[in-house]
Amino acid sequence: MTLTELRYIVAVARERHFGKAAETCFVSQPTLSVAVKKLEEELGVTLFERASAEVAVTPAGQKIVEQAQRVLEESARIKEIAAAAAIRSPGRFASARSTPSGPTCCPS
């Protein structure tokens, strides 16, 4: 599960349409649809009932979309905290990043 996939499901829930959600996310509709389907498969639950006219959020999907929105808000807060710290102590990140003892990446 990625933040991008969470952004996509929040957009689909808000727009009630995969094409419109894709436009708001600046991706193609197939890209968004594949990502949502992948997330549904990963979670083992259907998030959206797809109909020709409108997309409906399933009851489980509603809870997941609400949590996804909170995760995205917290992610934005992390970026705000980091930006504020960078302003207070510029240049510290560059030296901390070059320390070889820490992990270079984290699996998602």
C-alpha atoms as a PDB file:
ATOM      1  CA  MET A   1       0.000   0.000   0.000  1.00  0.00           C
ATOM      2  CA  THR A   2       1.334   3.395  -0.964  1.00  0.00           C
ATOM      3  CA  LEU A   3       0.373   6.983  -0.267  1.00  0.00           C
ATOM      4  CA  THR A   4      -0.373   7.322  -3.966  1.00  0.00           C
ATOM      5  CA  GLU A   5      -2.897   4.488  -3.815  1.00  0.00           C
ATOM      6  CA  LEU A   6      -4.469   6.115  -0.769  1.00  0.00           C
ATOM      7  CA  ARG A   7      -4.720   9.419  -2.652  1.00  0.00           C
ATOM      8  CA  TYR A   8      -6.419   7.596  -5.500  1.00  0.00           C
ATOM      9  CA  ILE A   9      -9.087   5.944  -3.349  1.00  0.00           C
ATOM     10  CA  VAL A  10      -9.824   9.216  -1.561  1.00  0.00           C
ATOM     11  CA  ALA A  11     -10.232  10.901  -4.952  1.00  0.00           C
ATOM     12  CA  VAL A  12     -12.528   8.142  -6.275  1.00  0.00           C
ATOM     13  CA  ALA A  13     -14.668   8.344  -3.142  1.00  0.00           C
ATOM     14  CA  ARG A  14     -14.887  12.129  -3.451  1.00  0.00           C
ATOM     15  CA  GLU A  15     -15.571  12.230  -7.198  1.00  0.00           C
ATOM     16  CA  ARG A  16     -17.699   9.046  -7.391  1.00  0.00           C
ATOM     17  CA  HIS A  17     -16.170   8.528 -10.824  1.00  0.00           C
ATOM     18  CA  PHE A  18     -12.880   6.920 -11.863  1.00  0.00           C
ATOM     19  CA  GLY A  19     -12.314   9.236 -14.835  1.00  0.00           C
ATOM     20  CA  LYS A  20     -12.891  12.406 -12.822  1.00  0.00           C
ATOM     21  CA  ALA A  21     -10.736  11.080  -9.985  1.00  0.00           C
ATOM     22  CA  ALA A  22      -7.949  10.354 -12.461  1.00  0.00           C
ATOM     23  CA  GLU A  23      -8.152  13.925 -13.753  1.00  0.00           C
ATOM     24  CA  THR A  24      -7.854  15.359 -10.244  1.00  0.00           C
ATOM     25  CA  CYS A  25      -4.844  13.092  -9.597  1.00  0.00           C
ATOM     26  CA  PHE A  26      -3.247  13.997 -12.959  1.00  0.00           C
ATOM     27  CA  VAL A  27      -3.028  10.376 -14.120  1.00  0.00           C
ATOM     28  CA  SER A  28      -4.777   8.326 -16.778  1.00  0.00           C
ATOM     29  CA  GLN A  29      -7.959   6.519 -15.842  1.00  0.00           C
ATOM     30  CA  PRO A  30      -6.410   3.083 -16.504  1.00  0.00           C
ATOM     31  CA  THR A  31      -3.473   3.931 -14.224  1.00  0.00           C
ATOM     32  CA  LEU A  32      -5.811   4.912 -11.413  1.00  0.00           C
ATOM     33  CA  SER A  33      -8.099   1.913 -11.944  1.00  0.00           C
ATOM     34  CA  VAL A  34      -5.208  -0.552 -11.894  1.00  0.00           C
ATOM     35  CA  ALA A  35      -3.824   0.981  -8.698  1.00  0.00           C
ATOM     36  CA  VAL A  36      -7.228   0.842  -6.965  1.00  0.00           C
ATOM     37  CA  LYS A  37      -7.739  -2.769  -8.050  1.00  0.00           C
ATOM     38  CA  LYS A  38      -4.252  -3.647  -6.799  1.00  0.00           C
ATOM     39  CA  LEU A  39      -5.038  -2.097  -3.420  1.00  0.00           C
ATOM     40  CA  GLU A  40      -8.360  -3.943  -3.233  1.00  0.00           C
ATOM     41  CA  GLU A  41      -6.553  -7.205  -3.942  1.00  0.00           C
ATOM     42  CA  GLU A  42      -3.880  -6.439  -1.350  1.00  0.00           C
ATOM     43  CA  LEU A  43      -6.515  -5.655   1.278  1.00  0.00           C
ATOM     44  CA  GLY A  44      -8.833  -8.467   0.219  1.00  0.00           C
ATOM     45  CA  VAL A  45     -11.873  -6.211   0.159  1.00  0.00           C
ATOM     46  CA  THR A  46     -13.913  -4.378  -2.468  1.00  0.00           C
ATOM     47  CA  LEU A  47     -13.736  -0.647  -1.847  1.00  0.00           C
ATOM     48  CA  PHE A  48     -16.044   0.501  -4.627  1.00  0.00           C
ATOM     49  CA  GLU A  49     -19.130  -0.829  -6.375  1.00  0.00           C
ATOM     50  CA  ARG A  50     -18.611   0.057  -9.993  1.00  0.00           C
ATOM     51  CA  ALA A  51     -21.648   0.998 -12.065  1.00  0.00           C
ATOM     52  CA  SER A  52     -21.822   2.645 -15.462  1.00  0.00           C
ATOM     53  CA  ALA A  53     -23.256   5.899 -14.124  1.00  0.00           C
ATOM     54  CA  GLU A  54     -21.619   6.272 -10.719  1.00  0.00           C
ATOM     55  CA  VAL A  55     -19.193   4.625  -8.339  1.00  0.00           C
ATOM     56  CA  ALA A  56     -20.446   3.825  -4.840  1.00  0.00           C
ATOM     57  CA  VAL A  57     -18.211   3.291  -1.836  1.00  0.00           C
ATOM     58  CA  THR A  58     -18.824  -0.003  -0.046  1.00  0.00           C
ATOM     59  CA  PRO A  59     -19.310   0.069   3.741  1.00  0.00           C
ATOM     60  CA  ALA A  60     -15.812  -1.358   4.274  1.00  0.00           C
ATOM     61  CA  GLY A  61     -14.512   1.036   1.636  1.00  0.00           C
ATOM     62  CA  GLN A  62     -15.978   3.995   3.508  1.00  0.00           C
ATOM     63  CA  LYS A  63     -14.047   3.105   6.663  1.00  0.00           C
ATOM     64  CA  ILE A  64     -10.865   2.542   4.681  1.00  0.00           C
ATOM     65  CA  VAL A  65     -11.247   5.800   2.748  1.00  0.00           C
ATOM     66  CA  GLU A  66     -11.765   7.703   6.012  1.00  0.00           C
ATOM     67  CA  GLN A  67      -8.597   6.150   7.452  1.00  0.00           C
ATOM     68  CA  ALA A  68      -6.724   6.849   4.206  1.00  0.00           C
ATOM     69  CA  GLN A  69      -7.700  10.516   4.499  1.00  0.00           C
ATOM     70  CA  ARG A  70      -6.296  10.617   8.039  1.00  0.00           C
ATOM     71  CA  VAL A  71      -3.069   8.945   6.873  1.00  0.00           C
ATOM     72  CA  LEU A  72      -2.688  11.506   4.080  1.00  0.00           C
ATOM     73  CA  GLU A  73      -3.274  14.356   6.530  1.00  0.00           C
ATOM     74  CA  GLU A  74      -0.658  12.928   8.894  1.00  0.00           C
ATOM     75  CA  SER A  75       1.754  12.495   5.994  1.00  0.00           C
ATOM     76  CA  ALA A  76       1.319  16.172   5.158  1.00  0.00           C
ATOM     77  CA  ARG A  77       1.951  17.009   8.808  1.00  0.00           C
ATOM     78  CA  ILE A  78       5.236  15.065   8.720  1.00  0.00           C
ATOM     79  CA  LYS A  79       6.334  17.162   5.745  1.00  0.00           C
ATOM     80  CA  GLU A  80       5.406  20.355   7.626  1.00  0.00           C
ATOM     81  CA  ILE A  81       7.438  19.255  10.653  1.00  0.00           C
ATOM     82  CA  ALA A  82      10.422  18.427   8.456  1.00  0.00           C
ATOM     83  CA  ALA A  83      10.188  21.736   6.613  1.00  0.00           C
ATOM     84  CA  ALA A  84      10.060  23.663   9.884  1.00  0.00           C
ATOM     85  CA  ALA A  85      13.081  21.746  11.183  1.00  0.00           C
ATOM     86  CA  ALA A  86      15.010  22.420   7.968  1.00  0.00           C
ATOM     87  CA  ILE A  87      14.354  26.144   8.305  1.00  0.00           C
ATOM     88  CA  ARG A  88      15.598  26.150  11.910  1.00  0.00           C
ATOM     89  CA  SER A  89      18.771  24.197  11.155  1.00  0.00           C
ATOM     90  CA  PRO A  90      19.676  24.333   7.452  1.00  0.00           C
ATOM     91  CA  GLY A  91      22.408  22.006   6.272  1.00  0.00           C
ATOM     92  CA  ARG A  92      21.958  19.365   8.958  1.00  0.00           C
ATOM     93  CA  PHE A  93      20.193  16.941   6.625  1.00  0.00           C
ATOM     94  CA  ALA A  94      23.107  16.786   4.213  1.00  0.00           C
ATOM     95  CA  SER A  95      25.548  15.719   6.915  1.00  0.00           C
ATOM     96  CA  ALA A  96      23.095  13.301   8.544  1.00  0.00           C
ATOM     97  CA  ARG A  97      22.324  11.676   5.207  1.00  0.00           C
ATOM     98  CA  SER A  98      25.953  10.903   4.519  1.00  0.00           C
ATOM     99  CA  THR A  99      26.281   8.850   7.715  1.00  0.00           C
ATOM    100  CA  PRO A 100      26.895   5.245   6.553  1.00  0.00           C
ATOM    101  CA  SER A 101      25.581   3.556   9.706  1.00  0.00           C
ATOM    102  CA  GLY A 102      21.881   4.182   9.047  1.00  0.00           C
ATOM    103  CA  PRO A 103      19.582   2.318   6.658  1.00  0.00           C
ATOM    104  CA  THR A 104      19.504   3.580   3.112  1.00  0.00           C
ATOM    105  CA  CYS A 105      15.916   2.625   2.445  1.00  0.00           C
ATOM    106  CA  CYS A 106      12.860   1.196   4.091  1.00  0.00           C
ATOM    107  CA  PRO A 107      10.516  -1.355   2.489  1.00  0.00           C
ATOM    108  CA  SER A 108       6.918  -0.261   2.168  1.00  0.00           C
END
